[in-house]
Every structure is written in structure tokens, then in C-alpha cells.
Amino acid sequence: MLLLTKTVLSVMIGFLLATTLGLILIPLLKKLNVKQSLSIYMEEAHRKKSGTPTMGGLIFLIPTVATIFILYFMNKIEITTNLLMVLFVLIAYALIGFIDDYLIIRRHNNKGLTEVQKLLGQVIIAIVFFFMFLKTGGETSLVISTLGINIQMGWLYGLFILFLLVGGSNAVNITDGLDGLAGGLSAIAFIAFGLISLNCGYEDIGIFCFILCGALMGFLIFNIHPAKIFMGDTGSLALGATLATIAILVRRELTLVIVAGVFIIETLTVIIQILWVKLFHKRLFLMTPLHHHFEKLGWSEVDIVKLFWTIGLTLCMAGIFFGVWL
């Protein structure tokens, strides 16, 4: 019962702080002219959104960190090495996104960090995390107890971590194209990993997941259609990498593939589209990522988000079943 109370308290504090911060931050960002610049290739409906404030990731990032320290000083949680590693990844990837968003705003176009600069930063952080993981006694084996698999990977596990963190970070970033889409899917995914973490005995990580989920729900008040603020790379790059980090720390890497299924599908459509064009000189999808394909088919933005949320929720329930009961 105490754990349930702490979980509810975590969600509540994260939600209230994010909601309050949103009410303060959005008018401030508008006053500072912190506005999103959109690509000229976007649909007319999206071009109308040009000028909407960005860097909205701050609305859930700051309350998440603040809530952890509030609960710590209330003696409700402990600051463990696992929690510190999760916070390191969250803040470090958010910093890359913040710099990218800042450059876009400063230059008044859609050009922030180059792809190489962004990728280099993501790789460096993943490498640092891997060494932290090893220093704290992390095992370099891929364990899938459900299938009776235990593969000792050695240093190859470092490449595996690199792939998960960089891939997860970019997957959420790619998915962040419709109002409320990436934020809602992320909230659902963190609920799933919160429950999985608690069941596996990682109370610190489980509480973190619920704090972030509460903060994301507060952010969604301002991000659902019509969005009053965009998440920006500040938020999207941090969410995907953090989700991957949690999957690694609780030894549920394969479960991540299920829980993050929508993010993976969105990313795969982009890769498939590029390969298809190169091989056959024509498009397979009307536009990628996949949510833009549905827009081209005439679906409304709200209906697409509802569909993707539903699929994400279904996959997360399957992920919980796979990660906890099997």
C-alpha cells in the first residue's frame, strides 16, 4: 500500500508541477519570441502552426527532476546509482535537443545542429552511459528469461546500448510530428515500464517512470490539438533515450521493442521509404513518417493521434504481459 501511495503521489506532483510550469512558461516563451520554424514542405495545416512556441520539453523535464528531489527530501525515495544514470541520460540528451532548438530559434529557420553534430553528441552520451553501467556492476549479457536465452555479449553490449539509446532518441524525435502524438505515446510507454520496473524490484526507476508520466500528462494539456506549445528536440530526444536506458537497467531490452512499437514503426517507414526510392525510383508511402501518410490519405490529425495512441496502448499492455508475467 505504501508503494501504491508513493506511485500516486509521484504522478500527482509531476502533473501539478508541469501544469503550473506550462501556465508560466508558455506566455514567457511567446514574449521572448521562442517560436517554431516549420519546413516549407509541410502540409498547409502544419504551416499554419508556424510561430507556435517550442522547447515545450522543459514543461515535463524540469518538473520531473524537481519532483525527484522533492520526494527525496520527503524521505519517500532514495537517490540510487540507477536513478542517477537515468537522470544523466535524460538531462544530457535534453541538452542536445535544447541546443538544437535554440539554434533554430536564433537563426529563424529550421536548421539547428547538423545531423552529424547531433549524432556525435548522442553517441558520446551513450558511450559515457555504457562506462557508467559497467562501473556500477552492469552485466554485459542479453537475458531473455521468457525464451531461456542468456547471451554473453562482452564489449558488443556497448554497441547494443549505443544502438538502443541513439535509435530510441531519434525514433521519438521522428514521431513528434502531430499535436500530442509523441507526448501521449511516451506517457503510455513510461506507465508500462513503471509497472515492469516495480515488479522487477526496481522501485527507484519505477517511481521515476510515474513521475515523468505525470509530468507528460501535464504537458499534454498544452500540447494536444490545437497545440499551444511544441515539445521540440529538447523533449523528444530525451524521452526516447531515457526509455531505452530504463529498459537496459531493468534488463527488459526485448520488451522495449514491444512497448516502443509505434515509435519503431514510424522510424522504419522513413528508412523503407528512402530505400524504396533509391531502388525503385518511386515512393512506397505518400509521405513519411507514417502519420504523414495518413494525413495525405485525408485523415484528420486528431483521428491519427487517437489511432496511434490506441495501438501504443495495446502494445504496452502486451509488453507488460511479456515483461512481467512470462
C-alpha atoms as a PDB file:
ATOM      1  CA  MET A   1       0.000   0.000   0.000  1.00  0.00           C
ATOM      2  CA  LEU A   2       2.895   2.347   0.772  1.00  0.00           C
ATOM      3  CA  LEU A   3       4.318   1.751  -2.719  1.00  0.00           C
ATOM      4  CA  LEU A   4       0.939   2.435  -4.312  1.00  0.00           C
ATOM      5  CA  THR A   5       0.680   5.683  -2.340  1.00  0.00           C
ATOM      6  CA  LYS A   6       4.154   6.770  -3.432  1.00  0.00           C
ATOM      7  CA  THR A   7       3.282   5.968  -7.034  1.00  0.00           C
ATOM      8  CA  VAL A   8       0.115   8.069  -6.926  1.00  0.00           C
ATOM      9  CA  LEU A   9       1.988  10.871  -5.153  1.00  0.00           C
ATOM     10  CA  SER A  10       4.679  10.782  -7.833  1.00  0.00           C
ATOM     11  CA  VAL A  11       2.175  11.117 -10.658  1.00  0.00           C
ATOM     12  CA  MET A  12       0.278  13.871  -8.840  1.00  0.00           C
ATOM     13  CA  ILE A  13       3.328  16.036  -8.042  1.00  0.00           C
ATOM     14  CA  GLY A  14       4.756  15.625 -11.539  1.00  0.00           C
ATOM     15  CA  PHE A  15       1.407  16.552 -13.085  1.00  0.00           C
ATOM     16  CA  LEU A  16       0.791  19.596 -10.876  1.00  0.00           C
ATOM     17  CA  LEU A  17       4.308  20.985 -11.340  1.00  0.00           C
ATOM     18  CA  ALA A  18       4.170  20.515 -15.110  1.00  0.00           C
ATOM     19  CA  THR A  19       0.748  22.136 -15.371  1.00  0.00           C
ATOM     20  CA  THR A  20       1.877  25.086 -13.277  1.00  0.00           C
ATOM     21  CA  LEU A  21       5.114  25.464 -15.215  1.00  0.00           C
ATOM     22  CA  GLY A  22       3.204  25.330 -18.504  1.00  0.00           C
ATOM     23  CA  LEU A  23       0.958  28.208 -17.430  1.00  0.00           C
ATOM     24  CA  ILE A  24       4.055  30.269 -16.627  1.00  0.00           C
ATOM     25  CA  LEU A  25       6.407  29.159 -19.408  1.00  0.00           C
ATOM     26  CA  ILE A  26       4.177  29.439 -22.480  1.00  0.00           C
ATOM     27  CA  PRO A  27       3.432  33.186 -22.084  1.00  0.00           C
ATOM     28  CA  LEU A  28       7.123  33.740 -21.298  1.00  0.00           C
ATOM     29  CA  LEU A  29       8.281  31.889 -24.428  1.00  0.00           C
ATOM     30  CA  LYS A  30       5.807  33.874 -26.522  1.00  0.00           C
ATOM     31  CA  LYS A  31       7.142  37.097 -25.053  1.00  0.00           C
ATOM     32  CA  LEU A  32      10.718  36.008 -25.832  1.00  0.00           C
ATOM     33  CA  ASN A  33       9.627  35.086 -29.375  1.00  0.00           C
ATOM     34  CA  VAL A  34      10.717  31.464 -28.918  1.00  0.00           C
ATOM     35  CA  LYS A  35       8.763  30.179 -31.917  1.00  0.00           C
ATOM     36  CA  GLN A  36       8.910  27.070 -34.043  1.00  0.00           C
ATOM     37  CA  SER A  37      10.048  27.353 -37.662  1.00  0.00           C
ATOM     38  CA  LEU A  38       8.479  24.692 -39.872  1.00  0.00           C
ATOM     39  CA  SER A  39       9.695  23.217 -43.142  1.00  0.00           C
ATOM     40  CA  ILE A  40       8.303  24.717 -46.341  1.00  0.00           C
ATOM     41  CA  TYR A  41       7.440  21.163 -47.433  1.00  0.00           C
ATOM     42  CA  MET A  42       4.895  20.669 -44.679  1.00  0.00           C
ATOM     43  CA  GLU A  43       1.166  20.477 -45.320  1.00  0.00           C
ATOM     44  CA  GLU A  44      -0.846  23.723 -45.231  1.00  0.00           C
ATOM     45  CA  ALA A  45      -2.434  22.650 -41.929  1.00  0.00           C
ATOM     46  CA  HIS A  46       1.052  22.429 -40.391  1.00  0.00           C
ATOM     47  CA  ARG A  47       2.342  25.637 -41.924  1.00  0.00           C
ATOM     48  CA  LYS A  48      -0.440  27.412 -40.053  1.00  0.00           C
ATOM     49  CA  LYS A  49       1.259  26.259 -36.840  1.00  0.00           C
ATOM     50  CA  SER A  50       4.403  28.232 -37.623  1.00  0.00           C
ATOM     51  CA  GLY A  51       5.032  30.619 -34.752  1.00  0.00           C
ATOM     52  CA  THR A  52       3.836  28.243 -32.042  1.00  0.00           C
ATOM     53  CA  PRO A  53       6.291  28.266 -29.104  1.00  0.00           C
ATOM     54  CA  THR A  54       8.748  25.384 -28.943  1.00  0.00           C
ATOM     55  CA  MET A  55      11.090  23.956 -26.252  1.00  0.00           C
ATOM     56  CA  GLY A  56       7.963  22.558 -24.573  1.00  0.00           C
ATOM     57  CA  GLY A  57      10.032  19.630 -23.327  1.00  0.00           C
ATOM     58  CA  LEU A  58      11.055  21.892 -20.461  1.00  0.00           C
ATOM     59  CA  ILE A  59       7.476  21.634 -19.174  1.00  0.00           C
ATOM     60  CA  PHE A  60       7.951  17.975 -18.266  1.00  0.00           C
ATOM     61  CA  LEU A  61      11.740  17.791 -17.860  1.00  0.00           C
ATOM     62  CA  ILE A  62      12.094  20.409 -15.118  1.00  0.00           C
ATOM     63  CA  PRO A  63       9.146  19.085 -13.024  1.00  0.00           C
ATOM     64  CA  THR A  64      10.476  15.528 -13.343  1.00  0.00           C
ATOM     65  CA  VAL A  65      13.858  16.440 -11.863  1.00  0.00           C
ATOM     66  CA  ALA A  66      12.241  18.731  -9.287  1.00  0.00           C
ATOM     67  CA  THR A  67       9.781  16.033  -8.173  1.00  0.00           C
ATOM     68  CA  ILE A  68      12.593  13.547  -7.618  1.00  0.00           C
ATOM     69  CA  PHE A  69      14.333  15.951  -5.254  1.00  0.00           C
ATOM     70  CA  ILE A  70      11.040  16.830  -3.531  1.00  0.00           C
ATOM     71  CA  LEU A  71      10.375  13.139  -2.846  1.00  0.00           C
ATOM     72  CA  TYR A  72      13.992  12.660  -1.756  1.00  0.00           C
ATOM     73  CA  PHE A  73      13.786  15.452   0.826  1.00  0.00           C
ATOM     74  CA  MET A  74      10.453  13.980   1.956  1.00  0.00           C
ATOM     75  CA  ASN A  75      12.309  10.677   2.509  1.00  0.00           C
ATOM     76  CA  LYS A  76       9.991   8.922   0.057  1.00  0.00           C
ATOM     77  CA  ILE A  77      12.693   7.748  -2.372  1.00  0.00           C
ATOM     78  CA  GLU A  78      16.437   7.108  -2.440  1.00  0.00           C
ATOM     79  CA  ILE A  79      18.838   8.589  -4.976  1.00  0.00           C
ATOM     80  CA  THR A  80      20.414   5.372  -6.280  1.00  0.00           C
ATOM     81  CA  THR A  81      23.127   4.875  -8.885  1.00  0.00           C
ATOM     82  CA  ASN A  82      20.500   3.582 -11.322  1.00  0.00           C
ATOM     83  CA  LEU A  83      18.403   6.699 -10.817  1.00  0.00           C
ATOM     84  CA  LEU A  84      21.444   8.928 -11.305  1.00  0.00           C
ATOM     85  CA  MET A  85      22.245   7.180 -14.587  1.00  0.00           C
ATOM     86  CA  VAL A  86      18.671   7.675 -15.805  1.00  0.00           C
ATOM     87  CA  LEU A  87      18.829  11.361 -14.856  1.00  0.00           C
ATOM     88  CA  PHE A  88      22.191  11.714 -16.601  1.00  0.00           C
ATOM     89  CA  VAL A  89      20.777  10.374 -19.883  1.00  0.00           C
ATOM     90  CA  LEU A  90      17.583  12.434 -19.549  1.00  0.00           C
ATOM     91  CA  ILE A  91      19.418  15.706 -18.953  1.00  0.00           C
ATOM     92  CA  ALA A  92      22.281  15.068 -21.400  1.00  0.00           C
ATOM     93  CA  TYR A  93      20.029  14.242 -24.351  1.00  0.00           C
ATOM     94  CA  ALA A  94      17.719  17.102 -23.415  1.00  0.00           C
ATOM     95  CA  LEU A  95      20.735  19.410 -23.578  1.00  0.00           C
ATOM     96  CA  ILE A  96      21.484  18.321 -27.158  1.00  0.00           C
ATOM     97  CA  GLY A  97      17.865  18.986 -28.064  1.00  0.00           C
ATOM     98  CA  PHE A  98      17.900  22.344 -26.276  1.00  0.00           C
ATOM     99  CA  ILE A  99      20.959  23.482 -28.236  1.00  0.00           C
ATOM    100  CA  ASP A 100      19.318  22.361 -31.477  1.00  0.00           C
ATOM    101  CA  ASP A 101      16.080  24.199 -30.669  1.00  0.00           C
ATOM    102  CA  TYR A 102      17.998  27.306 -29.597  1.00  0.00           C
ATOM    103  CA  LEU A 103      19.934  27.458 -32.882  1.00  0.00           C
ATOM    104  CA  ILE A 104      16.720  27.024 -34.888  1.00  0.00           C
ATOM    105  CA  ILE A 105      15.108  29.901 -32.988  1.00  0.00           C
ATOM    106  CA  ARG A 106      18.178  32.110 -33.250  1.00  0.00           C
ATOM    107  CA  ARG A 107      18.590  31.542 -36.995  1.00  0.00           C
ATOM    108  CA  HIS A 108      14.852  31.891 -37.694  1.00  0.00           C
ATOM    109  CA  ASN A 109      14.823  28.788 -39.883  1.00  0.00           C
ATOM    110  CA  ASN A 110      14.580  25.021 -39.490  1.00  0.00           C
ATOM    111  CA  LYS A 111      18.361  24.495 -39.318  1.00  0.00           C
ATOM    112  CA  GLY A 112      19.809  23.766 -35.905  1.00  0.00           C
ATOM    113  CA  LEU A 113      22.609  21.314 -35.241  1.00  0.00           C
ATOM    114  CA  THR A 114      23.725  19.320 -38.265  1.00  0.00           C
ATOM    115  CA  GLU A 115      22.833  15.629 -38.366  1.00  0.00           C
ATOM    116  CA  VAL A 116      26.496  14.761 -37.779  1.00  0.00           C
ATOM    117  CA  GLN A 117      26.769  17.078 -34.752  1.00  0.00           C
ATOM    118  CA  LYS A 118      23.572  15.716 -33.272  1.00  0.00           C
ATOM    119  CA  LEU A 119      24.582  12.097 -33.854  1.00  0.00           C
ATOM    120  CA  LEU A 120      28.060  12.679 -32.417  1.00  0.00           C
ATOM    121  CA  GLY A 121      26.569  14.109 -29.234  1.00  0.00           C
ATOM    122  CA  GLN A 122      24.145  11.197 -28.921  1.00  0.00           C
ATOM    123  CA  VAL A 123      26.941   8.652 -29.409  1.00  0.00           C
ATOM    124  CA  ILE A 124      29.230  10.291 -26.835  1.00  0.00           C
ATOM    125  CA  ILE A 125      26.490  10.279 -24.201  1.00  0.00           C
ATOM    126  CA  ALA A 126      25.695   6.621 -24.949  1.00  0.00           C
ATOM    127  CA  ILE A 127      29.379   5.708 -24.534  1.00  0.00           C
ATOM    128  CA  VAL A 128      29.585   7.565 -21.216  1.00  0.00           C
ATOM    129  CA  PHE A 129      26.446   5.748 -20.043  1.00  0.00           C
ATOM    130  CA  PHE A 130      27.972   2.393 -21.037  1.00  0.00           C
ATOM    131  CA  PHE A 131      31.058   3.035 -18.899  1.00  0.00           C
ATOM    132  CA  MET A 132      28.847   4.146 -16.002  1.00  0.00           C
ATOM    133  CA  PHE A 133      26.835   0.959 -16.496  1.00  0.00           C
ATOM    134  CA  LEU A 134      29.992  -1.173 -16.300  1.00  0.00           C
ATOM    135  CA  LYS A 135      31.364   0.717 -13.285  1.00  0.00           C
ATOM    136  CA  THR A 136      28.172   0.047 -11.323  1.00  0.00           C
ATOM    137  CA  GLY A 137      28.328  -3.683 -11.978  1.00  0.00           C
ATOM    138  CA  GLY A 138      26.101  -3.882 -15.039  1.00  0.00           C
ATOM    139  CA  GLU A 139      26.135  -7.237 -16.835  1.00  0.00           C
ATOM    140  CA  THR A 140      27.080  -7.342 -20.492  1.00  0.00           C
ATOM    141  CA  SER A 141      24.748 -10.196 -21.332  1.00  0.00           C
ATOM    142  CA  LEU A 142      21.438 -10.204 -23.163  1.00  0.00           C
ATOM    143  CA  VAL A 143      18.967 -12.103 -20.985  1.00  0.00           C
ATOM    144  CA  ILE A 144      15.529 -13.105 -22.243  1.00  0.00           C
ATOM    145  CA  SER A 145      14.249 -15.374 -19.491  1.00  0.00           C
ATOM    146  CA  THR A 146      10.947 -15.971 -21.280  1.00  0.00           C
ATOM    147  CA  LEU A 147      12.762 -17.686 -24.139  1.00  0.00           C
ATOM    148  CA  GLY A 148      15.553 -19.141 -21.976  1.00  0.00           C
ATOM    149  CA  ILE A 149      18.165 -17.000 -23.699  1.00  0.00           C
ATOM    150  CA  ASN A 150      21.329 -15.738 -21.990  1.00  0.00           C
ATOM    151  CA  ILE A 151      23.897 -14.427 -24.456  1.00  0.00           C
ATOM    152  CA  GLN A 152      27.198 -13.089 -23.107  1.00  0.00           C
ATOM    153  CA  MET A 153      27.990 -10.171 -25.422  1.00  0.00           C
ATOM    154  CA  GLY A 154      31.011  -8.577 -23.750  1.00  0.00           C
ATOM    155  CA  TRP A 155      32.044  -5.286 -25.374  1.00  0.00           C
ATOM    156  CA  LEU A 156      29.440  -5.874 -28.096  1.00  0.00           C
ATOM    157  CA  TYR A 157      26.850  -4.981 -25.478  1.00  0.00           C
ATOM    158  CA  GLY A 158      28.274  -1.460 -25.631  1.00  0.00           C
ATOM    159  CA  LEU A 159      27.334  -1.295 -29.319  1.00  0.00           C
ATOM    160  CA  PHE A 160      23.934  -2.671 -28.402  1.00  0.00           C
ATOM    161  CA  ILE A 161      23.470   0.112 -25.819  1.00  0.00           C
ATOM    162  CA  LEU A 162      24.646   2.644 -28.391  1.00  0.00           C
ATOM    163  CA  PHE A 163      22.043   1.399 -30.867  1.00  0.00           C
ATOM    164  CA  LEU A 164      19.225   1.457 -28.293  1.00  0.00           C
ATOM    165  CA  LEU A 165      19.929   4.949 -26.946  1.00  0.00           C
ATOM    166  CA  VAL A 166      20.612   6.652 -30.273  1.00  0.00           C
ATOM    167  CA  GLY A 167      17.843   4.737 -32.025  1.00  0.00           C
ATOM    168  CA  GLY A 168      15.327   5.391 -29.254  1.00  0.00           C
ATOM    169  CA  SER A 169      16.184   9.071 -29.121  1.00  0.00           C
ATOM    170  CA  ASN A 170      15.713   9.552 -32.863  1.00  0.00           C
ATOM    171  CA  ALA A 171      12.599   7.358 -33.019  1.00  0.00           C
ATOM    172  CA  VAL A 172      10.652   9.610 -30.642  1.00  0.00           C
ATOM    173  CA  ASN A 173      12.035  12.652 -32.447  1.00  0.00           C
ATOM    174  CA  ILE A 174      10.728  11.323 -35.778  1.00  0.00           C
ATOM    175  CA  THR A 175       7.320  10.527 -34.255  1.00  0.00           C
ATOM    176  CA  ASP A 176       6.927  14.040 -32.846  1.00  0.00           C
ATOM    177  CA  GLY A 177       5.043  15.439 -35.824  1.00  0.00           C
ATOM    178  CA  LEU A 178       1.423  15.782 -34.715  1.00  0.00           C
ATOM    179  CA  ASP A 179      -0.115  17.528 -31.712  1.00  0.00           C
ATOM    180  CA  GLY A 180       0.035  15.215 -28.708  1.00  0.00           C
ATOM    181  CA  LEU A 181       1.334  12.196 -30.635  1.00  0.00           C
ATOM    182  CA  ALA A 182       4.823  11.686 -29.176  1.00  0.00           C
ATOM    183  CA  GLY A 183       3.844  13.012 -25.734  1.00  0.00           C
ATOM    184  CA  GLY A 184       0.860  10.676 -25.396  1.00  0.00           C
ATOM    185  CA  LEU A 185       2.726   7.618 -26.686  1.00  0.00           C
ATOM    186  CA  SER A 186       5.626   8.380 -24.321  1.00  0.00           C
ATOM    187  CA  ALA A 187       3.311   8.714 -21.309  1.00  0.00           C
ATOM    188  CA  ILE A 188       1.775   5.319 -22.122  1.00  0.00           C
ATOM    189  CA  ALA A 189       5.216   3.744 -22.591  1.00  0.00           C
ATOM    190  CA  PHE A 190       6.513   5.086 -19.266  1.00  0.00           C
ATOM    191  CA  ILE A 191       3.434   3.747 -17.469  1.00  0.00           C
ATOM    192  CA  ALA A 192       4.270   0.319 -18.888  1.00  0.00           C
ATOM    193  CA  PHE A 193       7.908   0.454 -17.847  1.00  0.00           C
ATOM    194  CA  GLY A 194       6.925   1.905 -14.483  1.00  0.00           C
ATOM    195  CA  LEU A 195       4.825  -1.177 -13.763  1.00  0.00           C
ATOM    196  CA  ILE A 196       7.504  -3.511 -15.150  1.00  0.00           C
ATOM    197  CA  SER A 197      10.228  -1.814 -13.073  1.00  0.00           C
ATOM    198  CA  LEU A 198       8.238  -2.072  -9.850  1.00  0.00           C
ATOM    199  CA  ASN A 199       7.502  -5.729 -10.492  1.00  0.00           C
ATOM    200  CA  CYS A 200      11.199  -6.434 -11.132  1.00  0.00           C
ATOM    201  CA  GLY A 201      12.200  -4.782  -7.841  1.00  0.00           C
ATOM    202  CA  TYR A 202      13.485  -1.507  -9.263  1.00  0.00           C
ATOM    203  CA  GLU A 203      11.386   0.831  -7.132  1.00  0.00           C
ATOM    204  CA  ASP A 204      13.577   3.862  -7.840  1.00  0.00           C
ATOM    205  CA  ILE A 205      13.205   3.524 -11.604  1.00  0.00           C
ATOM    206  CA  GLY A 206       9.515   2.673 -11.312  1.00  0.00           C
ATOM    207  CA  ILE A 207       8.822   5.836  -9.317  1.00  0.00           C
ATOM    208  CA  PHE A 208      10.830   7.856 -11.850  1.00  0.00           C
ATOM    209  CA  CYS A 209       8.678   6.485 -14.679  1.00  0.00           C
ATOM    210  CA  PHE A 210       5.480   7.528 -12.915  1.00  0.00           C
ATOM    211  CA  ILE A 211       6.876  10.986 -12.129  1.00  0.00           C
ATOM    212  CA  LEU A 212       7.722  11.503 -15.791  1.00  0.00           C
ATOM    213  CA  CYS A 213       4.332  10.121 -16.824  1.00  0.00           C
ATOM    214  CA  GLY A 214       2.567  12.626 -14.558  1.00  0.00           C
ATOM    215  CA  ALA A 215       4.689  15.458 -15.959  1.00  0.00           C
ATOM    216  CA  LEU A 216       3.910  14.341 -19.518  1.00  0.00           C
ATOM    217  CA  MET A 217       0.188  14.398 -18.753  1.00  0.00           C
ATOM    218  CA  GLY A 218       0.607  17.970 -17.537  1.00  0.00           C
ATOM    219  CA  PHE A 219       2.455  18.808 -20.743  1.00  0.00           C
ATOM    220  CA  LEU A 220      -0.300  17.240 -22.867  1.00  0.00           C
ATOM    221  CA  ILE A 221      -2.790  19.781 -21.522  1.00  0.00           C
ATOM    222  CA  PHE A 222      -0.929  22.311 -23.649  1.00  0.00           C
ATOM    223  CA  ASN A 223       0.223  20.004 -26.456  1.00  0.00           C
ATOM    224  CA  ILE A 224      -2.940  18.226 -27.603  1.00  0.00           C
ATOM    225  CA  HIS A 225      -4.671  19.628 -30.682  1.00  0.00           C
ATOM    226  CA  PRO A 226      -4.582  22.540 -31.173  1.00  0.00           C
ATOM    227  CA  ALA A 227      -1.140  22.679 -29.564  1.00  0.00           C
ATOM    228  CA  LYS A 228      -0.228  25.785 -27.609  1.00  0.00           C
ATOM    229  CA  ILE A 229       3.401  24.645 -27.487  1.00  0.00           C
ATOM    230  CA  PHE A 230       5.575  22.054 -29.222  1.00  0.00           C
ATOM    231  CA  MET A 231       7.821  19.568 -27.452  1.00  0.00           C
ATOM    232  CA  GLY A 232      10.817  20.373 -29.617  1.00  0.00           C
ATOM    233  CA  ASP A 233      14.024  18.353 -29.714  1.00  0.00           C
ATOM    234  CA  THR A 234      14.532  19.403 -26.094  1.00  0.00           C
ATOM    235  CA  GLY A 235      11.892  16.875 -25.113  1.00  0.00           C
ATOM    236  CA  SER A 236      11.788  14.296 -27.896  1.00  0.00           C
ATOM    237  CA  LEU A 237      15.496  13.420 -27.928  1.00  0.00           C
ATOM    238  CA  ALA A 238      15.460  12.962 -24.148  1.00  0.00           C
ATOM    239  CA  LEU A 239      12.348  10.760 -23.991  1.00  0.00           C
ATOM    240  CA  GLY A 240      13.473   8.055 -26.386  1.00  0.00           C
ATOM    241  CA  ALA A 241      16.960   7.711 -24.914  1.00  0.00           C
ATOM    242  CA  THR A 242      15.584   7.642 -21.360  1.00  0.00           C
ATOM    243  CA  LEU A 243      13.079   4.922 -22.230  1.00  0.00           C
ATOM    244  CA  ALA A 244      15.897   2.831 -23.724  1.00  0.00           C
ATOM    245  CA  THR A 245      18.066   3.437 -20.647  1.00  0.00           C
ATOM    246  CA  ILE A 246      15.334   2.164 -18.359  1.00  0.00           C
ATOM    247  CA  ALA A 247      14.843  -0.958 -20.486  1.00  0.00           C
ATOM    248  CA  ILE A 248      18.586  -1.667 -20.210  1.00  0.00           C
ATOM    249  CA  LEU A 249      18.771  -1.123 -16.447  1.00  0.00           C
ATOM    250  CA  VAL A 250      15.772  -3.366 -15.658  1.00  0.00           C
ATOM    251  CA  ARG A 251      17.029  -5.989 -18.163  1.00  0.00           C
ATOM    252  CA  ARG A 252      13.959  -5.813 -20.387  1.00  0.00           C
ATOM    253  CA  GLU A 253      15.571  -4.828 -23.676  1.00  0.00           C
ATOM    254  CA  LEU A 254      13.345  -7.039 -25.818  1.00  0.00           C
ATOM    255  CA  THR A 255      10.251  -5.693 -24.062  1.00  0.00           C
ATOM    256  CA  LEU A 256      11.278  -2.245 -25.309  1.00  0.00           C
ATOM    257  CA  VAL A 257      10.657  -3.408 -28.885  1.00  0.00           C
ATOM    258  CA  ILE A 258       7.027  -4.141 -27.973  1.00  0.00           C
ATOM    259  CA  VAL A 259       6.368  -1.114 -25.774  1.00  0.00           C
ATOM    260  CA  ALA A 260       8.009   1.288 -28.240  1.00  0.00           C
ATOM    261  CA  GLY A 261       6.383  -0.439 -31.208  1.00  0.00           C
ATOM    262  CA  VAL A 262       4.746   2.666 -32.675  1.00  0.00           C
ATOM    263  CA  PHE A 263       7.984   4.656 -32.457  1.00  0.00           C
ATOM    264  CA  ILE A 264       9.818   1.808 -34.218  1.00  0.00           C
ATOM    265  CA  ILE A 265       7.193   1.523 -36.959  1.00  0.00           C
ATOM    266  CA  GLU A 266       7.346   5.275 -37.579  1.00  0.00           C
ATOM    267  CA  THR A 267      11.128   5.096 -37.917  1.00  0.00           C
ATOM    268  CA  LEU A 268      11.048   2.024 -40.164  1.00  0.00           C
ATOM    269  CA  THR A 269       8.681   3.752 -42.592  1.00  0.00           C
ATOM    270  CA  VAL A 270      11.253   6.521 -43.051  1.00  0.00           C
ATOM    271  CA  ILE A 271      14.063   4.012 -43.673  1.00  0.00           C
ATOM    272  CA  ILE A 272      11.928   1.884 -46.018  1.00  0.00           C
ATOM    273  CA  GLN A 273      10.839   4.973 -47.954  1.00  0.00           C
ATOM    274  CA  ILE A 274      14.463   6.032 -48.530  1.00  0.00           C
ATOM    275  CA  LEU A 275      15.500   2.549 -49.678  1.00  0.00           C
ATOM    276  CA  TRP A 276      12.401   2.159 -51.852  1.00  0.00           C
ATOM    277  CA  VAL A 277      13.058   5.436 -53.659  1.00  0.00           C
ATOM    278  CA  LYS A 278      16.700   4.515 -54.252  1.00  0.00           C
ATOM    279  CA  LEU A 279      15.836   1.041 -55.562  1.00  0.00           C
ATOM    280  CA  PHE A 280      12.633   1.670 -57.498  1.00  0.00           C
ATOM    281  CA  HIS A 281      12.707   5.466 -58.023  1.00  0.00           C
ATOM    282  CA  LYS A 282       9.211   5.936 -56.612  1.00  0.00           C
ATOM    283  CA  ARG A 283       7.584   6.291 -53.211  1.00  0.00           C
ATOM    284  CA  LEU A 284       6.048   3.443 -51.262  1.00  0.00           C
ATOM    285  CA  PHE A 285       4.307   5.799 -48.821  1.00  0.00           C
ATOM    286  CA  LEU A 286       2.676   9.077 -49.779  1.00  0.00           C
ATOM    287  CA  MET A 287       4.848  10.780 -47.128  1.00  0.00           C
ATOM    288  CA  THR A 288       6.850   9.664 -44.127  1.00  0.00           C
ATOM    289  CA  PRO A 289       6.878   9.222 -41.176  1.00  0.00           C
ATOM    290  CA  LEU A 290       3.737   7.086 -41.261  1.00  0.00           C
ATOM    291  CA  HIS A 291       1.484   9.659 -39.572  1.00  0.00           C
ATOM    292  CA  HIS A 292       2.002  11.976 -42.558  1.00  0.00           C
ATOM    293  CA  HIS A 293       0.956   9.151 -44.910  1.00  0.00           C
ATOM    294  CA  PHE A 294      -2.401   9.027 -43.115  1.00  0.00           C
ATOM    295  CA  GLU A 295      -2.677  12.805 -43.424  1.00  0.00           C
ATOM    296  CA  LYS A 296      -2.159  12.510 -47.184  1.00  0.00           C
ATOM    297  CA  LEU A 297      -4.978   9.951 -47.239  1.00  0.00           C
ATOM    298  CA  GLY A 298      -7.277  12.600 -45.779  1.00  0.00           C
ATOM    299  CA  TRP A 299      -7.349  11.559 -42.124  1.00  0.00           C
ATOM    300  CA  SER A 300      -7.702  14.327 -39.567  1.00  0.00           C
ATOM    301  CA  GLU A 301      -4.825  14.982 -37.198  1.00  0.00           C
ATOM    302  CA  VAL A 302      -6.940  14.130 -34.147  1.00  0.00           C
ATOM    303  CA  ASP A 303      -8.069  10.778 -35.615  1.00  0.00           C
ATOM    304  CA  ILE A 304      -4.497   9.779 -36.456  1.00  0.00           C
ATOM    305  CA  VAL A 305      -3.330  10.565 -32.925  1.00  0.00           C
ATOM    306  CA  LYS A 306      -6.240   8.589 -31.443  1.00  0.00           C
ATOM    307  CA  LEU A 307      -5.402   5.588 -33.639  1.00  0.00           C
ATOM    308  CA  PHE A 308      -1.702   5.670 -32.790  1.00  0.00           C
ATOM    309  CA  TRP A 309      -2.422   6.116 -29.069  1.00  0.00           C
ATOM    310  CA  THR A 310      -4.734   3.092 -29.187  1.00  0.00           C
ATOM    311  CA  ILE A 311      -2.118   0.980 -30.945  1.00  0.00           C
ATOM    312  CA  GLY A 312       0.524   2.199 -28.488  1.00  0.00           C
ATOM    313  CA  LEU A 313      -1.664   1.314 -25.504  1.00  0.00           C
ATOM    314  CA  THR A 314      -2.353  -2.158 -26.922  1.00  0.00           C
ATOM    315  CA  LEU A 315       1.347  -2.796 -27.491  1.00  0.00           C
ATOM    316  CA  CYS A 316       2.186  -1.560 -23.981  1.00  0.00           C
ATOM    317  CA  MET A 317      -0.330  -3.966 -22.449  1.00  0.00           C
ATOM    318  CA  ALA A 318       1.293  -6.759 -24.460  1.00  0.00           C
ATOM    319  CA  GLY A 319       4.696  -5.509 -23.292  1.00  0.00           C
ATOM    320  CA  ILE A 320       3.623  -5.618 -19.644  1.00  0.00           C
ATOM    321  CA  PHE A 321       2.337  -9.162 -20.121  1.00  0.00           C
ATOM    322  CA  PHE A 322       5.603 -10.196 -21.778  1.00  0.00           C
ATOM    323  CA  GLY A 323       7.876  -8.324 -19.364  1.00  0.00           C
ATOM    324  CA  VAL A 324       6.123  -9.268 -16.121  1.00  0.00           C
ATOM    325  CA  TRP A 325       4.111 -12.469 -16.427  1.00  0.00           C
ATOM    326  CA  LEU A 326       6.085 -14.511 -18.940  1.00  0.00           C
END
